[in-house]
Protein backbone atom coordinates (compact mmCIF):
# COMPACT_ATOMS: atom_id res chain seq x y z
CA MET A 1 0.00 0.00 0.00
CA ARG A 2 2.72 2.51 0.98
CA LYS A 3 4.76 1.70 -2.08
CA SER A 4 1.86 2.38 -4.48
CA VAL A 5 1.05 5.70 -2.76
CA PHE A 6 4.71 6.68 -3.02
CA ILE A 7 4.80 5.82 -6.75
CA ILE A 8 1.64 7.86 -7.42
CA PHE A 9 3.05 10.81 -5.47
CA CYS A 10 6.32 10.69 -7.41
CA ALA A 11 4.51 10.56 -10.75
CA LEU A 12 2.28 13.53 -9.89
CA PHE A 13 5.25 15.48 -8.56
CA ALA A 14 7.29 14.86 -11.71
CA PHE A 15 4.50 15.93 -14.07
CA GLY A 16 3.57 18.97 -12.00
CA CYS A 17 7.13 20.31 -11.93
CA GLN A 18 7.91 20.20 -15.63
CA LYS A 19 9.78 23.40 -16.49
CA PRO A 20 9.86 25.03 -19.94
CA ALA A 21 12.71 23.56 -21.97
CA GLY A 22 14.37 23.72 -25.36
CA ARG A 23 15.22 26.67 -27.55
CA TRP A 24 12.40 27.98 -29.72
CA ARG A 25 12.39 31.06 -31.98
CA ALA A 26 9.19 33.13 -32.13
CA LEU A 27 7.88 33.52 -35.69
CA GLU A 28 5.59 36.44 -34.79
CA ASP A 29 4.80 38.84 -31.95
CA MET A 30 2.42 37.43 -29.34
CA PRO A 31 1.12 38.44 -25.91
CA VAL A 32 2.22 36.54 -22.82
CA PHE A 33 -0.19 36.36 -19.90
CA SER A 34 0.64 36.16 -16.18
CA ASP A 35 -1.44 33.03 -15.78
CA ALA A 36 -3.58 30.87 -18.03
CA ASN A 37 -6.55 31.93 -15.90
CA GLU A 38 -5.85 35.63 -16.50
CA ALA A 39 -5.90 36.03 -20.28
CA ASP A 40 -6.96 39.65 -19.93
CA GLN A 41 -3.73 40.67 -18.15
CA ILE A 42 -0.78 40.87 -20.55
CA LYS A 43 2.53 40.47 -18.72
CA PHE A 44 4.81 41.16 -21.72
CA THR A 45 4.98 40.60 -25.48
CA VAL A 46 7.26 38.08 -27.17
CA LYS A 47 8.73 39.73 -30.25
CA LYS A 48 9.38 37.96 -33.54
CA GLY A 49 12.86 36.41 -33.34
CA ASP A 50 12.96 36.10 -29.53
CA ILE A 51 14.33 32.81 -28.21
CA CYS A 52 12.22 31.13 -25.51
CA ALA A 53 11.66 27.79 -23.80
CA LEU A 54 8.25 26.10 -24.03
CA GLY A 55 6.65 23.97 -21.34
CA GLN A 56 3.44 22.25 -20.43
CA GLU A 57 0.00 22.96 -21.85
CA ARG A 58 -3.04 23.85 -19.80
CA VAL A 59 -6.70 23.98 -20.81
CA VAL A 60 -8.78 26.68 -19.10
CA LYS A 61 -12.47 26.74 -19.95
CA ILE A 62 -12.35 26.22 -23.74
CA PHE A 63 -8.92 27.75 -24.38
CA MET A 64 -5.50 26.08 -24.53
CA TYR A 65 -2.35 27.75 -23.20
CA LYS A 66 1.33 26.85 -23.26
CA GLU A 67 3.84 27.81 -20.60
CA ILE A 68 6.72 29.95 -21.86
CA ALA A 69 10.00 31.23 -20.41
CA CYS A 70 11.91 34.03 -22.14
CA ASP A 71 14.49 36.64 -21.16
CA GLN A 72 11.59 39.01 -20.39
CA GLY A 73 10.05 36.55 -17.90
CA ASN A 74 7.72 33.56 -17.61
CA GLY A 75 4.05 33.26 -18.45
CA TRP A 76 1.47 31.64 -20.72
CA ILE A 77 0.67 32.05 -24.42
CA MET A 78 -2.72 31.24 -25.94
CA TYR A 79 -3.12 28.57 -28.61
CA SER A 80 -4.33 29.98 -31.91
CA ASN A 81 -3.97 27.62 -34.88
CA GLY A 82 -0.68 26.33 -33.51
CA TYR A 83 2.13 27.94 -31.57
CA PRO A 84 4.18 30.23 -33.83
CA PHE A 85 7.64 28.89 -32.94
CA GLU A 86 10.38 26.98 -34.69
CA LYS A 87 12.64 24.55 -32.83
CA LEU A 88 16.35 25.46 -32.79
CA GLU A 89 18.90 22.67 -32.77
C-alpha cells in the first residue's frame, strides 16, 4: 500500500514540476499572460525572433495555453492555430 502511494506521489510530482525547456524562436509577436486563468492581463509581449523555452499545456475553460519562459520573464501564451515557434537545434 505505501509503495503504491509513493509511486503515485512521485509521478504527480514529476509531471507537475515540468519546467519550460528547449530553444524555440518566435515567428511572430504574441502576448504573454501572467497566468492561463488571467488572459486579460498581458505580462509582456514576445517579439518575432525572440528565443524562448516552451513547457506544459493547460486547458482553461475552452482555451488552450502553453507555458513559456523568455528573457523578459515567464508566463502563458494562448493557442491559436498552432504555436508560432520553430525549434532550434
